[in-house]
PDB file of all heavy atoms in Angstrom:
ATOM      1  N   SER A   1      47.090  66.903 110.809  1.00  0.00           N
ATOM      2  CA  SER A   1      48.351  66.176 111.057  1.00  0.00           C
ATOM      3  C   SER A   1      49.314  66.302 109.888  1.00  0.00           C
ATOM      4  O   SER A   1      50.493  65.977 110.018  1.00  0.00           O
ATOM      5  CB  SER A   1      48.034  64.695 111.295  1.00  0.00           C
ATOM      6  OG  SER A   1      47.506  64.096 110.120  1.00  0.00           O
ATOM      7  N   GLY A   2      48.804  66.768 108.750  1.00  0.00           N
ATOM      8  CA  GLY A   2      49.638  66.834 107.560  1.00  0.00           C
ATOM      9  C   GLY A   2      49.527  65.588 106.698  1.00  0.00           C
ATOM     10  O   GLY A   2      50.102  65.521 105.614  1.00  0.00           O
ATOM     11  N   LYS A   3      48.773  64.594 107.170  1.00  0.00           N
ATOM     12  CA  LYS A   3      48.572  63.363 106.402  1.00  0.00           C
ATOM     13  C   LYS A   3      47.301  63.507 105.566  1.00  0.00           C
ATOM     14  O   LYS A   3      46.269  63.966 106.053  1.00  0.00           O
ATOM     15  CB  LYS A   3      48.453  62.159 107.331  1.00  0.00           C
ATOM     16  CG  LYS A   3      49.716  61.880 108.146  1.00  0.00           C
ATOM     17  CD  LYS A   3      49.500  60.691 109.074  1.00  0.00           C
ATOM     18  CE  LYS A   3      50.741  60.408 109.905  1.00  0.00           C
ATOM     19  NZ  LYS A   3      50.543  59.264 110.840  1.00  0.00           N
ATOM     20  N   VAL A   4      47.393  63.065 104.320  1.00  0.00           N
ATOM     21  CA  VAL A   4      46.265  63.190 103.403  1.00  0.00           C
ATOM     22  C   VAL A   4      45.024  62.490 103.944  1.00  0.00           C
ATOM     23  O   VAL A   4      43.915  63.045 103.930  1.00  0.00           O
ATOM     24  CB  VAL A   4      46.639  62.622 102.019  1.00  0.00           C
ATOM     25  CG1 VAL A   4      45.400  62.521 101.136  1.00  0.00           C
ATOM     26  CG2 VAL A   4      47.676  63.494 101.354  1.00  0.00           C
ATOM     27  N   GLU A   5      45.205  61.256 104.436  1.00  0.00           N
ATOM     28  CA  GLU A   5      44.042  60.491 104.889  1.00  0.00           C
ATOM     29  C   GLU A   5      43.354  61.141 106.085  1.00  0.00           C
ATOM     30  O   GLU A   5      42.127  61.072 106.229  1.00  0.00           O
ATOM     31  CB  GLU A   5      44.446  59.048 105.226  1.00  0.00           C
ATOM     32  CG  GLU A   5      45.518  58.913 106.293  1.00  0.00           C
ATOM     33  CD  GLU A   5      46.933  58.891 105.720  1.00  0.00           C
ATOM     34  OE1 GLU A   5      47.113  59.404 104.604  1.00  0.00           O
ATOM     35  OE2 GLU A   5      47.830  58.369 106.395  1.00  0.00           O
ATOM     36  N   ASP A   6      44.149  61.787 106.967  1.00  0.00           N
ATOM     37  CA  ASP A   6      43.543  62.463 108.117  1.00  0.00           C
ATOM     38  C   ASP A   6      42.738  63.672 107.683  1.00  0.00           C
ATOM     39  O   ASP A   6      41.623  63.910 108.169  1.00  0.00           O
ATOM     40  CB  ASP A   6      44.623  62.882 109.113  1.00  0.00           C
ATOM     41  CG  ASP A   6      45.246  61.691 109.821  1.00  0.00           C
ATOM     42  OD1 ASP A   6      44.655  60.607 109.777  1.00  0.00           O
ATOM     43  OD2 ASP A   6      46.337  61.858 110.413  1.00  0.00           O
ATOM     44  N   PHE A   7      43.292  64.444 106.769  1.00  0.00           N
ATOM     45  CA  PHE A   7      42.621  65.676 106.357  1.00  0.00           C
ATOM     46  C   PHE A   7      41.391  65.383 105.507  1.00  0.00           C
ATOM     47  O   PHE A   7      40.284  65.842 105.819  1.00  0.00           O
ATOM     48  CB  PHE A   7      43.582  66.568 105.575  1.00  0.00           C
ATOM     49  CG  PHE A   7      42.976  67.882 105.147  1.00  0.00           C
ATOM     50  CD1 PHE A   7      42.754  68.890 106.066  1.00  0.00           C
ATOM     51  CD2 PHE A   7      42.623  68.095 103.817  1.00  0.00           C
ATOM     52  CE1 PHE A   7      42.173  70.101 105.680  1.00  0.00           C
ATOM     53  CE2 PHE A   7      42.048  69.293 103.421  1.00  0.00           C
ATOM     54  CZ  PHE A   7      41.830  70.299 104.349  1.00  0.00           C
ATOM     55  N   TYR A   8      41.582  64.612 104.439  1.00  0.00           N
ATOM     56  CA  TYR A   8      40.469  64.421 103.502  1.00  0.00           C
ATOM     57  C   TYR A   8      39.421  63.439 104.035  1.00  0.00           C
ATOM     58  O   TYR A   8      38.219  63.733 104.040  1.00  0.00           O
ATOM     59  CB  TYR A   8      40.999  63.939 102.150  1.00  0.00           C
ATOM     60  CG  TYR A   8      39.934  63.858 101.085  1.00  0.00           C
ATOM     61  CD1 TYR A   8      39.271  65.009 100.661  1.00  0.00           C
ATOM     62  CD2 TYR A   8      39.576  62.637 100.504  1.00  0.00           C
ATOM     63  CE1 TYR A   8      38.285  64.944  99.692  1.00  0.00           C
ATOM     64  CE2 TYR A   8      38.592  62.559  99.532  1.00  0.00           C
ATOM     65  CZ  TYR A   8      37.954  63.727  99.134  1.00  0.00           C
ATOM     66  OH  TYR A   8      36.966  63.663  98.177  1.00  0.00           O
ATOM     67  N   ALA A   9      39.877  62.275 104.500  1.00  0.00           N
ATOM     68  CA  ALA A   9      38.928  61.235 104.918  1.00  0.00           C
ATOM     69  C   ALA A   9      38.197  61.606 106.198  1.00  0.00           C
ATOM     70  O   ALA A   9      37.020  61.265 106.371  1.00  0.00           O
ATOM     71  CB  ALA A   9      39.657  59.902 105.091  1.00  0.00           C
ATOM     72  N   VAL A  10      38.879  62.316 107.097  1.00  0.00           N
ATOM     73  CA  VAL A  10      38.279  62.626 108.394  1.00  0.00           C
ATOM     74  C   VAL A  10      37.740  64.060 108.439  1.00  0.00           C
ATOM     75  O   VAL A  10      36.553  64.292 108.699  1.00  0.00           O
ATOM     76  CB  VAL A  10      39.299  62.404 109.537  1.00  0.00           C
ATOM     77  CG1 VAL A  10      38.682  62.782 110.879  1.00  0.00           C
ATOM     78  CG2 VAL A  10      39.781  60.957 109.545  1.00  0.00           C
ATOM     79  N   GLN A  11      38.617  65.034 108.166  1.00  0.00           N
ATOM     80  CA  GLN A  11      38.222  66.426 108.358  1.00  0.00           C
ATOM     81  C   GLN A  11      37.305  66.954 107.260  1.00  0.00           C
ATOM     82  O   GLN A  11      36.610  67.952 107.468  1.00  0.00           O
ATOM     83  CB  GLN A  11      39.474  67.309 108.475  1.00  0.00           C
ATOM     84  CG  GLN A  11      40.294  67.004 109.733  1.00  0.00           C
ATOM     85  CD  GLN A  11      41.559  67.840 109.809  1.00  0.00           C
ATOM     86  OE1 GLN A  11      42.558  67.542 109.175  1.00  0.00           O
ATOM     87  NE2 GLN A  11      41.494  68.905 110.604  1.00  0.00           N
ATOM     88  N   ILE A  12      37.317  66.329 106.093  1.00  0.00           N
ATOM     89  CA  ILE A  12      36.437  66.764 104.999  1.00  0.00           C
ATOM     90  C   ILE A  12      35.234  65.832 104.836  1.00  0.00           C
ATOM     91  O   ILE A  12      34.084  66.249 104.952  1.00  0.00           O
ATOM     92  CB  ILE A  12      37.215  66.853 103.666  1.00  0.00           C
ATOM     93  CG1 ILE A  12      38.384  67.843 103.793  1.00  0.00           C
ATOM     94  CG2 ILE A  12      36.271  67.272 102.534  1.00  0.00           C
ATOM     95  CD1 ILE A  12      37.997  69.267 104.103  1.00  0.00           C
ATOM     96  N   LEU A  13      35.491  64.563 104.583  1.00  0.00           N
ATOM     97  CA  LEU A  13      34.407  63.648 104.236  1.00  0.00           C
ATOM     98  C   LEU A  13      33.482  63.315 105.397  1.00  0.00           C
ATOM     99  O   LEU A  13      32.361  62.848 105.176  1.00  0.00           O
ATOM    100  CB  LEU A  13      34.985  62.356 103.640  1.00  0.00           C
ATOM    101  CG  LEU A  13      35.691  62.507 102.292  1.00  0.00           C
ATOM    102  CD1 LEU A  13      36.108  61.150 101.764  1.00  0.00           C
ATOM    103  CD2 LEU A  13      34.803  63.231 101.268  1.00  0.00           C
ATOM    104  N   GLU A  14      33.913  63.538 106.620  1.00  0.00           N
ATOM    105  CA  GLU A  14      33.016  63.305 107.753  1.00  0.00           C
ATOM    106  C   GLU A  14      32.150  64.523 108.078  1.00  0.00           C
ATOM    107  O   GLU A  14      31.383  64.509 109.032  1.00  0.00           O
ATOM    108  CB  GLU A  14      33.824  62.879 108.983  1.00  0.00           C
ATOM    109  CG  GLU A  14      34.428  61.481 108.849  1.00  0.00           C
ATOM    110  CD  GLU A  14      35.051  60.978 110.136  1.00  0.00           C
ATOM    111  OE1 GLU A  14      34.981  61.706 111.156  1.00  0.00           O
ATOM    112  OE2 GLU A  14      35.600  59.864 110.123  1.00  0.00           O
ATOM    113  N   SER A  15      32.290  65.584 107.274  1.00  0.00           N
ATOM    114  CA  SER A  15      31.445  66.768 107.432  1.00  0.00           C
ATOM    115  C   SER A  15      30.214  66.636 106.543  1.00  0.00           C
ATOM    116  O   SER A  15      30.092  65.689 105.749  1.00  0.00           O
ATOM    117  CB  SER A  15      32.236  68.023 107.055  1.00  0.00           C
ATOM    118  OG  SER A  15      33.383  68.158 107.863  1.00  0.00           O
ATOM    119  N   ASP A  16      29.293  67.591 106.645  1.00  0.00           N
ATOM    120  CA  ASP A  16      28.075  67.490 105.836  1.00  0.00           C
ATOM    121  C   ASP A  16      28.375  67.744 104.358  1.00  0.00           C
ATOM    122  O   ASP A  16      29.446  68.213 103.982  1.00  0.00           O
ATOM    123  CB  ASP A  16      26.994  68.441 106.355  1.00  0.00           C
ATOM    124  CG  ASP A  16      27.401  69.907 106.269  1.00  0.00           C
ATOM    125  OD1 ASP A  16      27.978  70.310 105.242  1.00  0.00           O
ATOM    126  OD2 ASP A  16      27.153  70.650 107.232  1.00  0.00           O
ATOM    127  N   LYS A  17      27.389  67.426 103.520  1.00  0.00           N
ATOM    128  CA  LYS A  17      27.568  67.487 102.077  1.00  0.00           C
ATOM    129  C   LYS A  17      27.899  68.892 101.577  1.00  0.00           C
ATOM    130  O   LYS A  17      28.689  69.075 100.652  1.00  0.00           O
ATOM    131  CB  LYS A  17      26.295  66.976 101.381  1.00  0.00           C
ATOM    132  CG  LYS A  17      26.133  65.470 101.421  1.00  0.00           C
ATOM    133  CD  LYS A  17      27.218  64.782 100.586  1.00  0.00           C
ATOM    134  CE  LYS A  17      26.990  63.265 100.547  1.00  0.00           C
ATOM    135  NZ  LYS A  17      28.068  62.589  99.779  1.00  0.00           N
ATOM    136  N   LYS A  18      27.281  69.909 102.167  1.00  0.00           N
ATOM    137  CA  LYS A  18      27.550  71.276 101.725  1.00  0.00           C
ATOM    138  C   LYS A  18      29.015  71.647 101.935  1.00  0.00           C
ATOM    139  O   LYS A  18      29.639  72.280 101.078  1.00  0.00           O
ATOM    140  CB  LYS A  18      26.636  72.256 102.473  1.00  0.00           C
ATOM    141  CG  LYS A  18      25.191  72.218 102.030  1.00  0.00           C
ATOM    142  CD  LYS A  18      24.392  73.309 102.728  1.00  0.00           C
ATOM    143  CE  LYS A  18      22.952  73.319 102.240  1.00  0.00           C
ATOM    144  NZ  LYS A  18      22.144  74.392 102.908  1.00  0.00           N
ATOM    145  N   PHE A  19      29.543  71.247 103.092  1.00  0.00           N
ATOM    146  CA  PHE A  19      30.949  71.544 103.372  1.00  0.00           C
ATOM    147  C   PHE A  19      31.851  70.751 102.426  1.00  0.00           C
ATOM    148  O   PHE A  19      32.847  71.295 101.904  1.00  0.00           O
ATOM    149  CB  PHE A  19      31.279  71.206 104.824  1.00  0.00           C
ATOM    150  CG  PHE A  19      32.673  71.601 105.237  1.00  0.00           C
ATOM    151  CD1 PHE A  19      32.968  72.910 105.571  1.00  0.00           C
ATOM    152  CD2 PHE A  19      33.692  70.659 105.278  1.00  0.00           C
ATOM    153  CE1 PHE A  19      34.250  73.288 105.941  1.00  0.00           C
ATOM    154  CE2 PHE A  19      34.985  71.025 105.649  1.00  0.00           C
ATOM    155  CZ  PHE A  19      35.255  72.341 105.980  1.00  0.00           C
ATOM    156  N   GLN A  20      31.548  69.491 102.202  1.00  0.00           N
ATOM    157  CA  GLN A  20      32.325  68.680 101.267  1.00  0.00           C
ATOM    158  C   GLN A  20      32.338  69.330  99.879  1.00  0.00           C
ATOM    159  O   GLN A  20      33.393  69.428  99.234  1.00  0.00           O
ATOM    160  CB  GLN A  20      31.750  67.275 101.164  1.00  0.00           C
ATOM    161  CG  GLN A  20      31.905  66.434 102.410  1.00  0.00           C
ATOM    162  CD  GLN A  20      31.298  65.053 102.229  1.00  0.00           C
ATOM    163  OE1 GLN A  20      31.382  64.459 101.157  1.00  0.00           O
ATOM    164  NE2 GLN A  20      30.661  64.533 103.283  1.00  0.00           N
ATOM    165  N   ASN A  21      31.178  69.764  99.433  1.00  0.00           N
ATOM    166  CA  ASN A  21      31.079  70.375  98.105  1.00  0.00           C
ATOM    167  C   ASN A  21      31.856  71.686  98.026  1.00  0.00           C
ATOM    168  O   ASN A  21      32.445  71.998  96.986  1.00  0.00           O
ATOM    169  CB  ASN A  21      29.617  70.609  97.728  1.00  0.00           C
ATOM    170  CG  ASN A  21      28.890  69.313  97.436  1.00  0.00           C
ATOM    171  OD1 ASN A  21      29.511  68.315  97.058  1.00  0.00           O
ATOM    172  ND2 ASN A  21      27.570  69.313  97.607  1.00  0.00           N
ATOM    173  N   PHE A  22      31.853  72.453  99.121  1.00  0.00           N
ATOM    174  CA  PHE A  22      32.613  73.694  99.137  1.00  0.00           C
ATOM    175  C   PHE A  22      34.101  73.393  98.942  1.00  0.00           C
ATOM    176  O   PHE A  22      34.781  74.040  98.138  1.00  0.00           O
ATOM    177  CB  PHE A  22      32.390  74.443 100.457  1.00  0.00           C
ATOM    178  CG  PHE A  22      32.980  75.829 100.481  1.00  0.00           C
ATOM    179  CD1 PHE A  22      32.201  76.937 100.193  1.00  0.00           C
ATOM    180  CD2 PHE A  22      34.329  76.032 100.779  1.00  0.00           C
ATOM    181  CE1 PHE A  22      32.745  78.220 100.212  1.00  0.00           C
ATOM    182  CE2 PHE A  22      34.881  77.302 100.798  1.00  0.00           C
ATOM    183  CZ  PHE A  22      34.081  78.397 100.513  1.00  0.00           C
ATOM    184  N   TYR A  23      34.595  72.395  99.668  1.00  0.00           N
ATOM    185  CA  TYR A  23      36.011  72.026  99.539  1.00  0.00           C
ATOM    186  C   TYR A  23      36.319  71.528  98.131  1.00  0.00           C
ATOM    187  O   TYR A  23      37.320  71.936  97.520  1.00  0.00           O
ATOM    188  CB  TYR A  23      36.395  70.957 100.553  1.00  0.00           C
ATOM    189  CG  TYR A  23      37.784  70.403 100.319  1.00  0.00           C
ATOM    190  CD1 TYR A  23      38.914  71.151 100.630  1.00  0.00           C
ATOM    191  CD2 TYR A  23      37.957  69.140  99.743  1.00  0.00           C
ATOM    192  CE1 TYR A  23      40.199  70.656 100.386  1.00  0.00           C
ATOM    193  CE2 TYR A  23      39.226  68.631  99.496  1.00  0.00           C
ATOM    194  CZ  TYR A  23      40.346  69.402  99.818  1.00  0.00           C
ATOM    195  OH  TYR A  23      41.611  68.905  99.563  1.00  0.00           O
ATOM    196  N   LYS A  24      35.469  70.660  97.595  1.00  0.00           N
ATOM    197  CA  LYS A  24      35.712  70.113  96.257  1.00  0.00           C
ATOM    198  C   LYS A  24      35.683  71.211  95.199  1.00  0.00           C
ATOM    199  O   LYS A  24      36.517  71.237  94.279  1.00  0.00           O
ATOM    200  CB  LYS A  24      34.687  69.030  95.948  1.00  0.00           C
ATOM    201  CG  LYS A  24      34.855  67.770  96.795  1.00  0.00           C
ATOM    202  CD  LYS A  24      33.758  66.756  96.521  1.00  0.00           C
ATOM    203  CE  LYS A  24      33.932  65.507  97.388  1.00  0.00           C
ATOM    204  NZ  LYS A  24      32.855  64.508  97.156  1.00  0.00           N
ATOM    205  N   ASN A  25      34.734  72.131  95.316  1.00  0.00           N
ATOM    206  CA  ASN A  25      34.666  73.250  94.371  1.00  0.00           C
ATOM    207  C   ASN A  25      35.868  74.175  94.516  1.00  0.00           C
ATOM    208  O   ASN A  25      36.372  74.710  93.528  1.00  0.00           O
ATOM    209  CB  ASN A  25      33.369  74.032  94.576  1.00  0.00           C
ATOM    210  CG  ASN A  25      32.157  73.282  94.084  1.00  0.00           C
ATOM    211  OD1 ASN A  25      32.233  72.506  93.130  1.00  0.00           O
ATOM    212  ND2 ASN A  25      31.017  73.485  94.736  1.00  0.00           N
ATOM    213  N   PHE A  26      36.310  74.348  95.763  1.00  0.00           N
ATOM    214  CA  PHE A  26      37.514  75.137  95.996  1.00  0.00           C
ATOM    215  C   PHE A  26      38.702  74.523  95.258  1.00  0.00           C
ATOM    216  O   PHE A  26      39.451  75.227  94.570  1.00  0.00           O
ATOM    217  CB  PHE A  26      37.814  75.226  97.504  1.00  0.00           C
ATOM    218  CG  PHE A  26      39.169  75.774  97.827  1.00  0.00           C
ATOM    219  CD1 PHE A  26      39.387  77.140  97.861  1.00  0.00           C
ATOM    220  CD2 PHE A  26      40.236  74.917  98.097  1.00  0.00           C
ATOM    221  CE1 PHE A  26      40.658  77.652  98.144  1.00  0.00           C
ATOM    222  CE2 PHE A  26      41.495  75.420  98.394  1.00  0.00           C
ATOM    223  CZ  PHE A  26      41.708  76.793  98.411  1.00  0.00           C
ATOM    224  N   CYS A  27      38.870  73.225  95.388  1.00  0.00           N
ATOM    225  CA  CYS A  27      39.980  72.533  94.713  1.00  0.00           C
ATOM    226  C   CYS A  27      39.882  72.712  93.202  1.00  0.00           C
ATOM    227  O   CYS A  27      40.885  73.010  92.530  1.00  0.00           O
ATOM    228  CB  CYS A  27      39.978  71.052  95.064  1.00  0.00           C
ATOM    229  SG  CYS A  27      40.515  70.692  96.746  1.00  0.00           S
ATOM    230  N   THR A  28      38.688  72.546  92.668  1.00  0.00           N
ATOM    231  CA  THR A  28      38.498  72.690  91.219  1.00  0.00           C
ATOM    232  C   THR A  28      38.883  74.076  90.747  1.00  0.00           C
ATOM    233  O   THR A  28      39.584  74.243  89.743  1.00  0.00           O
ATOM    234  CB  THR A  28      37.033  72.391  90.845  1.00  0.00           C
ATOM    235  OG1 THR A  28      36.705  71.051  91.241  1.00  0.00           O
ATOM    236  CG2 THR A  28      36.815  72.539  89.353  1.00  0.00           C
ATOM    237  N   GLU A  29      38.431  75.104  91.482  1.00  0.00           N
ATOM    238  CA  GLU A  29      38.742  76.486  91.107  1.00  0.00           C
ATOM    239  C   GLU A  29      40.235  76.798  91.226  1.00  0.00           C
ATOM    240  O   GLU A  29      40.744  77.657  90.514  1.00  0.00           O
ATOM    241  CB  GLU A  29      37.934  77.456  91.970  1.00  0.00           C
ATOM    242  CG  GLU A  29      36.442  77.410  91.753  1.00  0.00           C
ATOM    243  CD  GLU A  29      36.060  77.727  90.316  1.00  0.00           C
ATOM    244  OE1 GLU A  29      36.684  78.646  89.723  1.00  0.00           O
ATOM    245  OE2 GLU A  29      35.152  77.068  89.793  1.00  0.00           O
ATOM    246  N   MET A  30      40.922  76.100  92.107  1.00  0.00           N
ATOM    247  CA  MET A  30      42.360  76.321  92.295  1.00  0.00           C
ATOM    248  C   MET A  30      43.204  75.382  91.432  1.00  0.00           C
ATOM    249  O   MET A  30      44.415  75.295  91.580  1.00  0.00           O
ATOM    250  CB  MET A  30      42.730  76.141  93.770  1.00  0.00           C
ATOM    251  CG  MET A  30      42.015  77.082  94.718  1.00  0.00           C
ATOM    252  SD  MET A  30      42.370  78.844  94.425  1.00  0.00           S
ATOM    253  CE  MET A  30      43.956  79.000  95.229  1.00  0.00           C
ATOM    254  N   GLY A  31      42.553  74.672  90.511  1.00  0.00           N
ATOM    255  CA  GLY A  31      43.262  73.802  89.594  1.00  0.00           C
ATOM    256  C   GLY A  31      43.787  72.535  90.232  1.00  0.00           C
ATOM    257  O   GLY A  31      44.805  71.985  89.800  1.00  0.00           O
ATOM    258  N   LEU A  32      43.093  72.042  91.259  1.00  0.00           N
ATOM    259  CA  LEU A  32      43.527  70.853  91.989  1.00  0.00           C
ATOM    260  C   LEU A  32      42.521  69.724  91.835  1.00  0.00           C
ATOM    261  O   LEU A  32      41.317  69.964  91.695  1.00  0.00           O
ATOM    262  CB  LEU A  32      43.703  71.183  93.473  1.00  0.00           C
ATOM    263  CG  LEU A  32      44.682  72.307  93.819  1.00  0.00           C
ATOM    264  CD1 LEU A  32      44.629  72.619  95.317  1.00  0.00           C
ATOM    265  CD2 LEU A  32      46.098  71.954  93.395  1.00  0.00           C
ATOM    266  N   ASN A  33      43.024  68.488  91.901  1.00  0.00           N
ATOM    267  CA  ASN A  33      42.181  67.299  91.852  1.00  0.00           C
ATOM    268  C   ASN A  33      42.109  66.710  93.262  1.00  0.00           C
ATOM    269  O   ASN A  33      43.095  66.187  93.774  1.00  0.00           O
ATOM    270  CB  ASN A  33      42.762  66.276  90.872  1.00  0.00           C
ATOM    271  CG  ASN A  33      41.863  65.065  90.686  1.00  0.00           C
ATOM    272  OD1 ASN A  33      40.965  64.794  91.494  1.00  0.00           O
ATOM    273  ND2 ASN A  33      42.103  64.301  89.630  1.00  0.00           N
ATOM    274  N   TYR A  34      40.938  66.801  93.892  1.00  0.00           N
ATOM    275  CA  TYR A  34      40.805  66.370  95.289  1.00  0.00           C
ATOM    276  C   TYR A  34      40.883  64.853  95.452  1.00  0.00           C
ATOM    277  O   TYR A  34      40.837  64.348  96.574  1.00  0.00           O
ATOM    278  CB  TYR A  34      39.501  66.900  95.896  1.00  0.00           C
ATOM    279  CG  TYR A  34      38.266  66.559  95.117  1.00  0.00           C
ATOM    280  CD1 TYR A  34      37.637  65.326  95.241  1.00  0.00           C
ATOM    281  CD2 TYR A  34      37.718  67.486  94.240  1.00  0.00           C
ATOM    282  CE1 TYR A  34      36.503  65.020  94.515  1.00  0.00           C
ATOM    283  CE2 TYR A  34      36.576  67.194  93.510  1.00  0.00           C
ATOM    284  CZ  TYR A  34      35.980  65.961  93.650  1.00  0.00           C
ATOM    285  OH  TYR A  34      34.851  65.659  92.925  1.00  0.00           O
ATOM    286  N   GLU A  35      41.027  64.115  94.350  1.00  0.00           N
ATOM    287  CA  GLU A  35      41.196  62.669  94.433  1.00  0.00           C
ATOM    288  C   GLU A  35      42.669  62.251  94.404  1.00  0.00           C
ATOM    289  O   GLU A  35      42.979  61.064  94.514  1.00  0.00           O
ATOM    290  CB  GLU A  35      40.434  61.987  93.289  1.00  0.00           C
ATOM    291  CG  GLU A  35      38.923  62.162  93.387  1.00  0.00           C
ATOM    292  CD  GLU A  35      38.186  61.459  92.258  1.00  0.00           C
ATOM    293  OE1 GLU A  35      38.854  61.086  91.268  1.00  0.00           O
ATOM    294  OE2 GLU A  35      36.954  61.287  92.373  1.00  0.00           O
ATOM    295  N   LYS A  36      43.546  63.229  94.249  1.00  0.00           N
ATOM    296  CA  LYS A  36      44.978  62.938  94.211  1.00  0.00           C
ATOM    297  C   LYS A  36      45.648  63.437  95.489  1.00  0.00           C
ATOM    298  O   LYS A  36      45.425  64.587  95.907  1.00  0.00           O
ATOM    299  CB  LYS A  36      45.632  63.605  92.997  1.00  0.00           C
ATOM    300  CG  LYS A  36      45.190  63.017  91.658  1.00  0.00           C
ATOM    301  CD  LYS A  36      45.940  63.658  90.503  1.00  0.00           C
ATOM    302  CE  LYS A  36      45.554  63.028  89.167  1.00  0.00           C
ATOM    303  NZ  LYS A  36      46.278  63.644  88.030  1.00  0.00           N
ATOM    304  N   ASP A  37      46.463  62.590  96.092  1.00  0.00           N
ATOM    305  CA  ASP A  37      47.118  62.929  97.357  1.00  0.00           C
ATOM    306  C   ASP A  37      47.958  64.195  97.234  1.00  0.00           C
ATOM    307  O   ASP A  37      47.937  65.052  98.126  1.00  0.00           O
ATOM    308  CB  ASP A  37      48.009  61.775  97.835  1.00  0.00           C
ATOM    309  CG  ASP A  37      47.187  60.575  98.306  1.00  0.00           C
ATOM    310  OD1 ASP A  37      45.940  60.665  98.303  1.00  0.00           O
ATOM    311  OD2 ASP A  37      47.800  59.562  98.683  1.00  0.00           O
ATOM    312  N   ARG A  38      48.700  64.297  96.155  1.00  0.00           N
ATOM    313  CA  ARG A  38      49.571  65.468  95.976  1.00  0.00           C
ATOM    314  C   ARG A  38      48.769  66.758  95.946  1.00  0.00           C
ATOM    315  O   ARG A  38      49.167  67.769  96.534  1.00  0.00           O
ATOM    316  CB  ARG A  38      50.367  65.303  94.677  1.00  0.00           C
ATOM    317  CG  ARG A  38      51.337  66.459  94.386  1.00  0.00           C
ATOM    318  CD  ARG A  38      52.032  66.253  93.064  1.00  0.00           C
ATOM    319  NE  ARG A  38      51.054  66.244  91.967  1.00  0.00           N
ATOM    320  CZ  ARG A  38      51.371  65.994  90.685  1.00  0.00           C
ATOM    321  NH1 ARG A  38      52.620  65.704  90.359  1.00  0.00           N
ATOM    322  NH2 ARG A  38      50.435  66.012  89.750  1.00  0.00           N
ATOM    323  N   ASP A  39      47.638  66.737  95.271  1.00  0.00           N
ATOM    324  CA  ASP A  39      46.812  67.940  95.172  1.00  0.00           C
ATOM    325  C   ASP A  39      46.097  68.240  96.486  1.00  0.00           C
ATOM    326  O   ASP A  39      45.847  69.415  96.814  1.00  0.00           O
ATOM    327  CB  ASP A  39      45.796  67.790  94.046  1.00  0.00           C
ATOM    328  CG  ASP A  39      46.433  67.965  92.665  1.00  0.00           C
ATOM    329  OD1 ASP A  39      47.674  68.085  92.610  1.00  0.00           O
ATOM    330  OD2 ASP A  39      45.700  67.972  91.660  1.00  0.00           O
ATOM    331  N   ILE A  40      45.743  67.212  97.244  1.00  0.00           N
ATOM    332  CA  ILE A  40      45.150  67.450  98.568  1.00  0.00           C
ATOM    333  C   ILE A  40      46.157  68.157  99.475  1.00  0.00           C
ATOM    334  O   ILE A  40      45.813  69.104 100.191  1.00  0.00           O
ATOM    335  CB  ILE A  40      44.676  66.127  99.200  1.00  0.00           C
ATOM    336  CG1 ILE A  40      43.505  65.556  98.402  1.00  0.00           C
ATOM    337  CG2 ILE A  40      44.261  66.347 100.664  1.00  0.00           C
ATOM    338  CD1 ILE A  40      43.076  64.177  98.841  1.00  0.00           C
ATOM    339  N   LEU A  41      47.413  67.703  99.420  1.00  0.00           N
ATOM    340  CA  LEU A  41      48.463  68.362 100.207  1.00  0.00           C
ATOM    341  C   LEU A  41      48.644  69.812  99.758  1.00  0.00           C
ATOM    342  O   LEU A  41      48.859  70.707 100.583  1.00  0.00           O
ATOM    343  CB  LEU A  41      49.778  67.601 100.075  1.00  0.00           C
ATOM    344  CG  LEU A  41      49.863  66.252 100.793  1.00  0.00           C
ATOM    345  CD1 LEU A  41      51.162  65.535 100.444  1.00  0.00           C
ATOM    346  CD2 LEU A  41      49.756  66.436 102.305  1.00  0.00           C
TER     347      LEU A  41
END
């Protein structure tokens, strides 16, 4: 939807741990903080 809460809380955190870790590691490698709304966008 383009909303941070929809993407991160639903599409990421409701997936299994391996998928969550892949996304979090992706953010880290791309210089992003997955705990910040701006960086999630």
